[in-house]
Full PDB file with SEQRES, HELIX, SHEET, SSBOND, CRYST1, ORIGX, SCALE, CONECT and MASTER records, all heavy atoms in Angstrom:
SEQRES   1 A   34  SER ALA GLY GLN ALA TRP ARG GLU HIS GLY ILE THR ALA          
SEQRES   2 A   34  ASP GLN VAL ARG ALA VAL ASN ALA ALA ILE ASP ASP GLY          
SEQRES   3 A   34  SER PRO ALA LEU TRP LYS LEU ALA                              
HELIX    1 AA1 GLN A    4  HIS A    9  1                                   6    
HELIX    2 AA2 ALA A   13  ASN A   20  1                                   8    
HELIX    3 AA3 ILE A   23  GLY A   26  1                                   4    
HELIX    4 AA4 PRO A   28  LEU A   33  1                                   6    
CRYST1    1.000    1.000    1.000  90.00  90.00  90.00 P 1           1          
ORIGX1      1.000000  0.000000  0.000000        0.00000                         
ORIGX2      0.000000  1.000000  0.000000        0.00000                         
ORIGX3      0.000000  0.000000  1.000000        0.00000                         
SCALE1      1.000000  0.000000  0.000000        0.00000                         
SCALE2      0.000000  1.000000  0.000000        0.00000                         
SCALE3      0.000000  0.000000  1.000000        0.00000                         
ATOM      1  N   SER A   1    -156.815-174.447   3.770  1.00  0.00           N  
ATOM      2  CA  SER A   1    -155.528-173.744   3.720  1.00  0.00           C  
ATOM      3  C   SER A   1    -155.465-172.776   2.509  1.00  0.00           C  
ATOM      4  O   SER A   1    -154.413-172.414   2.044  1.00  0.00           O  
ATOM      5  CB  SER A   1    -154.367-174.731   3.623  1.00  0.00           C  
ATOM      6  OG  SER A   1    -154.467-175.532   2.467  1.00  0.00           O  
ATOM      7  N   ALA A   2    -156.646-172.390   2.028  1.00  0.00           N  
ATOM      8  CA  ALA A   2    -156.762-171.448   0.916  1.00  0.00           C  
ATOM      9  C   ALA A   2    -156.031-171.964  -0.319  1.00  0.00           C  
ATOM     10  O   ALA A   2    -155.439-171.193  -1.093  1.00  0.00           O  
ATOM     11  CB  ALA A   2    -156.213-170.083   1.291  1.00  0.00           C  
ATOM     12  N   GLY A   3    -156.109-173.250  -0.543  1.00  0.00           N  
ATOM     13  CA  GLY A   3    -155.556-173.857  -1.777  1.00  0.00           C  
ATOM     14  C   GLY A   3    -154.046-173.842  -1.859  1.00  0.00           C  
ATOM     15  O   GLY A   3    -153.472-173.873  -2.958  1.00  0.00           O  
ATOM     16  N   GLN A   4    -153.366-173.832  -0.721  1.00  0.00           N  
ATOM     17  CA  GLN A   4    -151.897-173.676  -0.729  1.00  0.00           C  
ATOM     18  C   GLN A   4    -151.190-174.753  -1.582  1.00  0.00           C  
ATOM     19  O   GLN A   4    -150.353-174.413  -2.411  1.00  0.00           O  
ATOM     20  CB  GLN A   4    -151.362-173.667   0.704  1.00  0.00           C  
ATOM     21  CG  GLN A   4    -149.855-173.502   0.766  1.00  0.00           C  
ATOM     22  CD  GLN A   4    -149.344-173.353   2.190  1.00  0.00           C  
ATOM     23  OE1 GLN A   4    -150.003-172.705   3.038  1.00  0.00           O  
ATOM     24  NE2 GLN A   4    -148.206-173.901   2.486  1.00  0.00           N  
ATOM     25  N   ALA A   5    -151.494-176.022  -1.318  1.00  0.00           N  
ATOM     26  CA  ALA A   5    -150.824-177.084  -2.078  1.00  0.00           C  
ATOM     27  C   ALA A   5    -151.235-177.078  -3.536  1.00  0.00           C  
ATOM     28  O   ALA A   5    -150.417-177.329  -4.417  1.00  0.00           O  
ATOM     29  CB  ALA A   5    -151.112-178.441  -1.466  1.00  0.00           C  
ATOM     30  N   TRP A   6    -152.482-176.769  -3.819  1.00  0.00           N  
ATOM     31  CA  TRP A   6    -152.932-176.644  -5.214  1.00  0.00           C  
ATOM     32  C   TRP A   6    -152.087-175.576  -5.936  1.00  0.00           C  
ATOM     33  O   TRP A   6    -151.615-175.817  -7.065  1.00  0.00           O  
ATOM     34  CB  TRP A   6    -154.403-176.240  -5.287  1.00  0.00           C  
ATOM     35  CG  TRP A   6    -155.372-177.327  -4.934  1.00  0.00           C  
ATOM     36  CD1 TRP A   6    -155.238-178.680  -5.097  1.00  0.00           C  
ATOM     37  CD2 TRP A   6    -156.698-177.119  -4.397  1.00  0.00           C  
ATOM     38  NE1 TRP A   6    -156.390-179.329  -4.666  1.00  0.00           N  
ATOM     39  CE2 TRP A   6    -157.305-178.401  -4.260  1.00  0.00           C  
ATOM     40  CE3 TRP A   6    -157.436-175.992  -4.041  1.00  0.00           C  
ATOM     41  CZ2 TRP A   6    -158.582-178.584  -3.755  1.00  0.00           C  
ATOM     42  CZ3 TRP A   6    -158.732-176.165  -3.528  1.00  0.00           C  
ATOM     43  CH2 TRP A   6    -159.289-177.439  -3.376  1.00  0.00           C  
ATOM     44  N   ARG A   7    -151.972-174.459  -5.297  1.00  0.00           N  
ATOM     45  CA  ARG A   7    -151.205-173.353  -5.934  1.00  0.00           C  
ATOM     46  C   ARG A   7    -149.737-173.675  -6.112  1.00  0.00           C  
ATOM     47  O   ARG A   7    -149.132-173.350  -7.124  1.00  0.00           O  
ATOM     48  CB  ARG A   7    -151.427-172.059  -5.097  1.00  0.00           C  
ATOM     49  CG  ARG A   7    -152.827-171.486  -5.220  1.00  0.00           C  
ATOM     50  CD  ARG A   7    -153.043-170.144  -4.482  1.00  0.00           C  
ATOM     51  NE  ARG A   7    -153.239-170.379  -3.055  1.00  0.00           N  
ATOM     52  CZ  ARG A   7    -152.370-170.045  -2.114  1.00  0.00           C  
ATOM     53  NH1 ARG A   7    -151.196-169.570  -2.447  1.00  0.00           N  
ATOM     54  NH2 ARG A   7    -152.628-170.219  -0.832  1.00  0.00           N  
ATOM     55  N   GLU A   8    -149.165-174.328  -5.087  1.00  0.00           N  
ATOM     56  CA  GLU A   8    -147.731-174.685  -5.167  1.00  0.00           C  
ATOM     57  C   GLU A   8    -147.442-175.595  -6.332  1.00  0.00           C  
ATOM     58  O   GLU A   8    -146.336-175.544  -6.903  1.00  0.00           O  
ATOM     59  CB  GLU A   8    -147.304-175.372  -3.856  1.00  0.00           C  
ATOM     60  CG  GLU A   8    -147.186-174.370  -2.672  1.00  0.00           C  
ATOM     61  CD  GLU A   8    -146.836-175.109  -1.362  1.00  0.00           C  
ATOM     62  OE1 GLU A   8    -146.801-176.370  -1.390  1.00  0.00           O  
ATOM     63  OE2 GLU A   8    -146.623-174.419  -0.354  1.00  0.00           O  
ATOM     64  N   HIS A   9    -148.397-176.475  -6.687  1.00  0.00           N  
ATOM     65  CA  HIS A   9    -148.165-177.490  -7.699  1.00  0.00           C  
ATOM     66  C   HIS A   9    -148.883-177.180  -8.999  1.00  0.00           C  
ATOM     67  O   HIS A   9    -148.876-177.997  -9.922  1.00  0.00           O  
ATOM     68  CB  HIS A   9    -148.571-178.862  -7.194  1.00  0.00           C  
ATOM     69  CG  HIS A   9    -147.729-179.308  -6.004  1.00  0.00           C  
ATOM     70  ND1 HIS A   9    -146.465-179.801  -6.163  1.00  0.00           N  
ATOM     71  CD2 HIS A   9    -148.011-179.275  -4.667  1.00  0.00           C  
ATOM     72  CE1 HIS A   9    -145.980-180.090  -4.933  1.00  0.00           C  
ATOM     73  NE2 HIS A   9    -146.871-179.812  -4.055  1.00  0.00           N  
ATOM     74  N   GLY A  10    -149.484-175.982  -9.128  1.00  0.00           N  
ATOM     75  CA  GLY A  10    -150.101-175.573 -10.386  1.00  0.00           C  
ATOM     76  C   GLY A  10    -151.309-176.406 -10.755  1.00  0.00           C  
ATOM     77  O   GLY A  10    -151.552-176.687 -11.949  1.00  0.00           O  
ATOM     78  N   ILE A  11    -152.083-176.838  -9.763  1.00  0.00           N  
ATOM     79  CA  ILE A  11    -153.250-177.698 -10.023  1.00  0.00           C  
ATOM     80  C   ILE A  11    -154.450-176.836 -10.434  1.00  0.00           C  
ATOM     81  O   ILE A  11    -154.614-175.714  -9.929  1.00  0.00           O  
ATOM     82  CB  ILE A  11    -153.579-178.542  -8.773  1.00  0.00           C  
ATOM     83  CG1 ILE A  11    -152.355-179.322  -8.305  1.00  0.00           C  
ATOM     84  CG2 ILE A  11    -154.753-179.457  -9.026  1.00  0.00           C  
ATOM     85  CD1 ILE A  11    -151.776-180.235  -9.382  1.00  0.00           C  
ATOM     86  N   THR A  12    -155.276-177.369 -11.295  1.00  0.00           N  
ATOM     87  CA  THR A  12    -156.456-176.648 -11.772  1.00  0.00           C  
ATOM     88  C   THR A  12    -157.754-177.336 -11.329  1.00  0.00           C  
ATOM     89  O   THR A  12    -157.732-178.528 -10.980  1.00  0.00           O  
ATOM     90  CB  THR A  12    -156.457-176.529 -13.314  1.00  0.00           C  
ATOM     91  OG1 THR A  12    -156.519-177.868 -13.859  1.00  0.00           O  
ATOM     92  CG2 THR A  12    -155.187-175.839 -13.800  1.00  0.00           C  
ATOM     93  N   ALA A  13    -158.855-176.588 -11.423  1.00  0.00           N  
ATOM     94  CA  ALA A  13    -160.132-177.141 -10.971  1.00  0.00           C  
ATOM     95  C   ALA A  13    -160.551-178.325 -11.805  1.00  0.00           C  
ATOM     96  O   ALA A  13    -161.156-179.294 -11.248  1.00  0.00           O  
ATOM     97  CB  ALA A  13    -161.189-176.054 -11.040  1.00  0.00           C  
ATOM     98  N   ASP A  14    -160.263-178.301 -13.082  1.00  0.00           N  
ATOM     99  CA  ASP A  14    -160.680-179.467 -13.888  1.00  0.00           C  
ATOM    100  C   ASP A  14    -159.895-180.725 -13.471  1.00  0.00           C  
ATOM    101  O   ASP A  14    -160.449-181.843 -13.480  1.00  0.00           O  
ATOM    102  CB  ASP A  14    -160.527-179.215 -15.398  1.00  0.00           C  
ATOM    103  CG  ASP A  14    -159.161-178.712 -15.818  1.00  0.00           C  
ATOM    104  OD1 ASP A  14    -158.298-178.475 -14.944  1.00  0.00           O  
ATOM    105  OD2 ASP A  14    -158.924-178.556 -17.004  1.00  0.00           O  
ATOM    106  N   GLN A  15    -158.641-180.589 -13.044  1.00  0.00           N  
ATOM    107  CA  GLN A  15    -157.887-181.704 -12.542  1.00  0.00           C  
ATOM    108  C   GLN A  15    -158.496-182.218 -11.202  1.00  0.00           C  
ATOM    109  O   GLN A  15    -158.619-183.434 -10.987  1.00  0.00           O  
ATOM    110  CB  GLN A  15    -156.415-181.334 -12.292  1.00  0.00           C  
ATOM    111  CG  GLN A  15    -155.592-181.098 -13.545  1.00  0.00           C  
ATOM    112  CD  GLN A  15    -154.182-180.640 -13.194  1.00  0.00           C  
ATOM    113  OE1 GLN A  15    -153.975-179.499 -12.770  1.00  0.00           O  
ATOM    114  NE2 GLN A  15    -153.211-181.547 -13.344  1.00  0.00           N  
ATOM    115  N   VAL A  16    -158.815-181.316 -10.358  1.00  0.00           N  
ATOM    116  CA  VAL A  16    -159.361-181.695  -9.037  1.00  0.00           C  
ATOM    117  C   VAL A  16    -160.695-182.395  -9.216  1.00  0.00           C  
ATOM    118  O   VAL A  16    -160.963-183.411  -8.557  1.00  0.00           O  
ATOM    119  CB  VAL A  16    -159.526-180.438  -8.164  1.00  0.00           C  
ATOM    120  CG1 VAL A  16    -160.189-180.791  -6.818  1.00  0.00           C  
ATOM    121  CG2 VAL A  16    -158.187-179.766  -7.907  1.00  0.00           C  
ATOM    122  N   ARG A  17    -161.546-181.917 -10.097  1.00  0.00           N  
ATOM    123  CA  ARG A  17    -162.829-182.599 -10.352  1.00  0.00           C  
ATOM    124  C   ARG A  17    -162.594-184.001 -10.900  1.00  0.00           C  
ATOM    125  O   ARG A  17    -163.264-184.980 -10.485  1.00  0.00           O  
ATOM    126  CB  ARG A  17    -163.666-181.799 -11.308  1.00  0.00           C  
ATOM    127  CG  ARG A  17    -164.187-180.482 -10.725  1.00  0.00           C  
ATOM    128  CD  ARG A  17    -165.252-179.833 -11.614  1.00  0.00           C  
ATOM    129  NE  ARG A  17    -165.600-178.549 -11.114  1.00  0.00           N  
ATOM    130  CZ  ARG A  17    -165.057-177.372 -11.552  1.00  0.00           C  
ATOM    131  NH1 ARG A  17    -164.143-177.405 -12.514  1.00  0.00           N  
ATOM    132  NH2 ARG A  17    -165.414-176.222 -11.035  1.00  0.00           N  
ATOM    133  N   ALA A  18    -161.668-184.142 -11.835  1.00  0.00           N  
ATOM    134  CA  ALA A  18    -161.432-185.453 -12.454  1.00  0.00           C  
ATOM    135  C   ALA A  18    -160.910-186.471 -11.435  1.00  0.00           C  
ATOM    136  O   ALA A  18    -161.352-187.607 -11.396  1.00  0.00           O  
ATOM    137  CB  ALA A  18    -160.460-185.313 -13.600  1.00  0.00           C  
ATOM    138  N   VAL A  19    -159.985-186.044 -10.610  1.00  0.00           N  
ATOM    139  CA  VAL A  19    -159.382-186.944  -9.614  1.00  0.00           C  
ATOM    140  C   VAL A  19    -160.376-187.337  -8.535  1.00  0.00           C  
ATOM    141  O   VAL A  19    -160.385-188.450  -8.045  1.00  0.00           O  
ATOM    142  CB  VAL A  19    -158.147-186.257  -9.009  1.00  0.00           C  
ATOM    143  CG1 VAL A  19    -157.793-186.883  -7.678  1.00  0.00           C  
ATOM    144  CG2 VAL A  19    -156.946-186.399  -9.960  1.00  0.00           C  
ATOM    145  N   ASN A  20    -161.242-186.380  -8.163  1.00  0.00           N  
ATOM    146  CA  ASN A  20    -162.099-186.608  -7.018  1.00  0.00           C  
ATOM    147  C   ASN A  20    -163.512-187.109  -7.386  1.00  0.00           C  
ATOM    148  O   ASN A  20    -164.324-187.365  -6.502  1.00  0.00           O  
ATOM    149  CB  ASN A  20    -162.217-185.332  -6.184  1.00  0.00           C  
ATOM    150  CG  ASN A  20    -160.950-185.038  -5.442  1.00  0.00           C  
ATOM    151  OD1 ASN A  20    -160.581-185.706  -4.508  1.00  0.00           O  
ATOM    152  ND2 ASN A  20    -160.223-184.041  -5.903  1.00  0.00           N  
ATOM    153  N   ALA A  21    -163.772-187.291  -8.683  1.00  0.00           N  
ATOM    154  CA  ALA A  21    -165.094-187.775  -9.072  1.00  0.00           C  
ATOM    155  C   ALA A  21    -165.395-189.159  -8.474  1.00  0.00           C  
ATOM    156  O   ALA A  21    -166.572-189.503  -8.270  1.00  0.00           O  
ATOM    157  CB  ALA A  21    -165.170-187.840 -10.605  1.00  0.00           C  
ATOM    158  N   ALA A  22    -164.392-189.886  -8.109  1.00  0.00           N  
ATOM    159  CA  ALA A  22    -164.565-191.204  -7.523  1.00  0.00           C  
ATOM    160  C   ALA A  22    -165.272-191.140  -6.126  1.00  0.00           C  
ATOM    161  O   ALA A  22    -165.796-192.156  -5.671  1.00  0.00           O  
ATOM    162  CB  ALA A  22    -163.229-191.931  -7.373  1.00  0.00           C  
ATOM    163  N   ILE A  23    -165.276-189.939  -5.538  1.00  0.00           N  
ATOM    164  CA  ILE A  23    -165.997-189.810  -4.278  1.00  0.00           C  
ATOM    165  C   ILE A  23    -167.472-190.222  -4.452  1.00  0.00           C  
ATOM    166  O   ILE A  23    -168.092-190.789  -3.563  1.00  0.00           O  
ATOM    167  CB  ILE A  23    -165.911-188.333  -3.769  1.00  0.00           C  
ATOM    168  CG1 ILE A  23    -164.470-187.995  -3.388  1.00  0.00           C  
ATOM    169  CG2 ILE A  23    -166.838-188.124  -2.572  1.00  0.00           C  
ATOM    170  CD1 ILE A  23    -164.247-186.519  -3.043  1.00  0.00           C  
ATOM    171  N   ASP A  24    -167.999-189.930  -5.620  1.00  0.00           N  
ATOM    172  CA  ASP A  24    -169.414-190.237  -5.920  1.00  0.00           C  
ATOM    173  C   ASP A  24    -169.716-191.731  -5.794  1.00  0.00           C  
ATOM    174  O   ASP A  24    -170.846-192.112  -5.456  1.00  0.00           O  
ATOM    175  CB  ASP A  24    -169.771-189.740  -7.320  1.00  0.00           C  
ATOM    176  CG  ASP A  24    -171.269-189.697  -7.566  1.00  0.00           C  
ATOM    177  OD1 ASP A  24    -172.043-189.364  -6.666  1.00  0.00           O  
ATOM    178  OD2 ASP A  24    -171.656-190.023  -8.700  1.00  0.00           O  
ATOM    179  N   ASP A  25    -168.727-192.579  -6.040  1.00  0.00           N  
ATOM    180  CA  ASP A  25    -168.933-194.034  -5.966  1.00  0.00           C  
ATOM    181  C   ASP A  25    -169.267-194.489  -4.542  1.00  0.00           C  
ATOM    182  O   ASP A  25    -169.988-195.444  -4.349  1.00  0.00           O  
ATOM    183  CB  ASP A  25    -167.719-194.798  -6.427  1.00  0.00           C  
ATOM    184  CG  ASP A  25    -167.408-194.595  -7.902  1.00  0.00           C  
ATOM    185  OD1 ASP A  25    -168.370-194.252  -8.652  1.00  0.00           O  
ATOM    186  OD2 ASP A  25    -166.241-194.776  -8.312  1.00  0.00           O  
ATOM    187  N   GLY A  26    -168.751-193.758  -3.561  1.00  0.00           N  
ATOM    188  CA  GLY A  26    -168.986-194.149  -2.173  1.00  0.00           C  
ATOM    189  C   GLY A  26    -169.969-193.276  -1.436  1.00  0.00           C  
ATOM    190  O   GLY A  26    -170.563-193.715  -0.449  1.00  0.00           O  
ATOM    191  N   SER A  27    -170.121-192.042  -1.949  1.00  0.00           N  
ATOM    192  CA  SER A  27    -171.050-191.119  -1.248  1.00  0.00           C  
ATOM    193  C   SER A  27    -171.420-189.943  -2.171  1.00  0.00           C  
ATOM    194  O   SER A  27    -170.696-189.001  -2.268  1.00  0.00           O  
ATOM    195  CB  SER A  27    -170.392-190.558   0.007  1.00  0.00           C  
ATOM    196  OG  SER A  27    -171.235-189.563   0.598  1.00  0.00           O  
ATOM    197  N   PRO A  28    -172.580-190.037  -2.833  1.00  0.00           N  
ATOM    198  CA  PRO A  28    -173.066-188.900  -3.603  1.00  0.00           C  
ATOM    199  C   PRO A  28    -173.173-187.624  -2.790  1.00  0.00           C  
ATOM    200  O   PRO A  28    -172.914-186.523  -3.300  1.00  0.00           O  
ATOM    201  CB  PRO A  28    -174.421-189.380  -4.096  1.00  0.00           C  
ATOM    202  CG  PRO A  28    -174.293-190.865  -4.175  1.00  0.00           C  
ATOM    203  CD  PRO A  28    -173.460-191.208  -2.977  1.00  0.00           C  
ATOM    204  N   ALA A  29    -173.535-187.752  -1.520  1.00  0.00           N  
ATOM    205  CA  ALA A  29    -173.651-186.561  -0.669  1.00  0.00           C  
ATOM    206  C   ALA A  29    -172.290-185.859  -0.475  1.00  0.00           C  
ATOM    207  O   ALA A  29    -172.209-184.619  -0.553  1.00  0.00           O  
ATOM    208  CB  ALA A  29    -174.240-186.951   0.693  1.00  0.00           C  
ATOM    209  N   LEU A  30    -171.260-186.676  -0.257  1.00  0.00           N  
ATOM    210  CA  LEU A  30    -169.932-186.074  -0.077  1.00  0.00           C  
ATOM    211  C   LEU A  30    -169.387-185.550  -1.388  1.00  0.00           C  
ATOM    212  O   LEU A  30    -168.612-184.575  -1.417  1.00  0.00           O  
ATOM    213  CB  LEU A  30    -168.986-187.051   0.562  1.00  0.00           C  
ATOM    214  CG  LEU A  30    -169.312-187.468   2.027  1.00  0.00           C  
ATOM    215  CD1 LEU A  30    -168.292-188.459   2.535  1.00  0.00           C  
ATOM    216  CD2 LEU A  30    -169.417-186.227   2.910  1.00  0.00           C  
ATOM    217  N   TRP A  31    -169.736-186.182  -2.508  1.00  0.00           N  
ATOM    218  CA  TRP A  31    -169.301-185.644  -3.793  1.00  0.00           C  
ATOM    219  C   TRP A  31    -169.966-184.303  -4.090  1.00  0.00           C  
ATOM    220  O   TRP A  31    -169.326-183.376  -4.610  1.00  0.00           O  
ATOM    221  CB  TRP A  31    -169.608-186.657  -4.898  1.00  0.00           C  
ATOM    222  CG  TRP A  31    -169.303-186.195  -6.325  1.00  0.00           C  
ATOM    223  CD1 TRP A  31    -170.152-186.258  -7.411  1.00  0.00           C  
ATOM    224  CD2 TRP A  31    -168.111-185.562  -6.778  1.00  0.00           C  
ATOM    225  NE1 TRP A  31    -169.557-185.735  -8.502  1.00  0.00           N  
ATOM    226  CE2 TRP A  31    -168.304-185.290  -8.184  1.00  0.00           C  
ATOM    227  CE3 TRP A  31    -166.907-185.191  -6.191  1.00  0.00           C  
ATOM    228  CZ2 TRP A  31    -167.326-184.676  -8.974  1.00  0.00           C  
ATOM    229  CZ3 TRP A  31    -165.935-184.604  -6.962  1.00  0.00           C  
ATOM    230  CH2 TRP A  31    -166.146-184.340  -8.349  1.00  0.00           C  
ATOM    231  N   LYS A  32    -171.211-184.139  -3.703  1.00  0.00           N  
ATOM    232  CA  LYS A  32    -171.877-182.869  -3.836  1.00  0.00           C  
ATOM    233  C   LYS A  32    -171.167-181.802  -2.994  1.00  0.00           C  
ATOM    234  O   LYS A  32    -170.928-180.687  -3.489  1.00  0.00           O  
ATOM    235  CB  LYS A  32    -173.350-182.998  -3.389  1.00  0.00           C  
ATOM    236  CG  LYS A  32    -174.146-181.704  -3.589  1.00  0.00           C  
ATOM    237  CD  LYS A  32    -175.624-181.926  -3.235  1.00  0.00           C  
ATOM    238  CE  LYS A  32    -176.452-180.669  -3.447  1.00  0.00           C  
ATOM    239  NZ  LYS A  32    -177.885-180.895  -3.100  1.00  0.00           N  
ATOM    240  N   LEU A  33    -170.798-182.148  -1.771  1.00  0.00           N  
ATOM    241  CA  LEU A  33    -170.009-181.235  -0.942  1.00  0.00           C  
ATOM    242  C   LEU A  33    -168.690-180.894  -1.605  1.00  0.00           C  
ATOM    243  O   LEU A  33    -168.279-179.730  -1.643  1.00  0.00           O  
ATOM    244  CB  LEU A  33    -169.787-181.865   0.423  1.00  0.00           C  
ATOM    245  CG  LEU A  33    -168.774-181.141   1.339  1.00  0.00           C  
ATOM    246  CD1 LEU A  33    -169.271-179.729   1.697  1.00  0.00           C  
ATOM    247  CD2 LEU A  33    -168.505-181.967   2.583  1.00  0.00           C  
ATOM    248  N   ALA A  34    -168.014-181.903  -2.126  1.00  0.00           N  
ATOM    249  CA  ALA A  34    -166.703-181.701  -2.739  1.00  0.00           C  
ATOM    250  C   ALA A  34    -166.800-180.713  -3.920  1.00  0.00           C  
ATOM    251  O   ALA A  34    -165.972-179.818  -4.077  1.00  0.00           O  
ATOM    252  CB  ALA A  34    -166.122-183.026  -3.245  1.00  0.00           C  
TER     253      ALA A  34                                                      
MASTER        0    0    0    4    0    0    0    6  252    1    0    3          
END                                                                             
């Protein structure tokens, strides 16, 4: 959605990386995609 919700809530890339780093615990392949 071209980052619509991110933009609406003023979210930054460093926040997104920090929150989603846990993906790596279950799937390094999906974390690489993320």
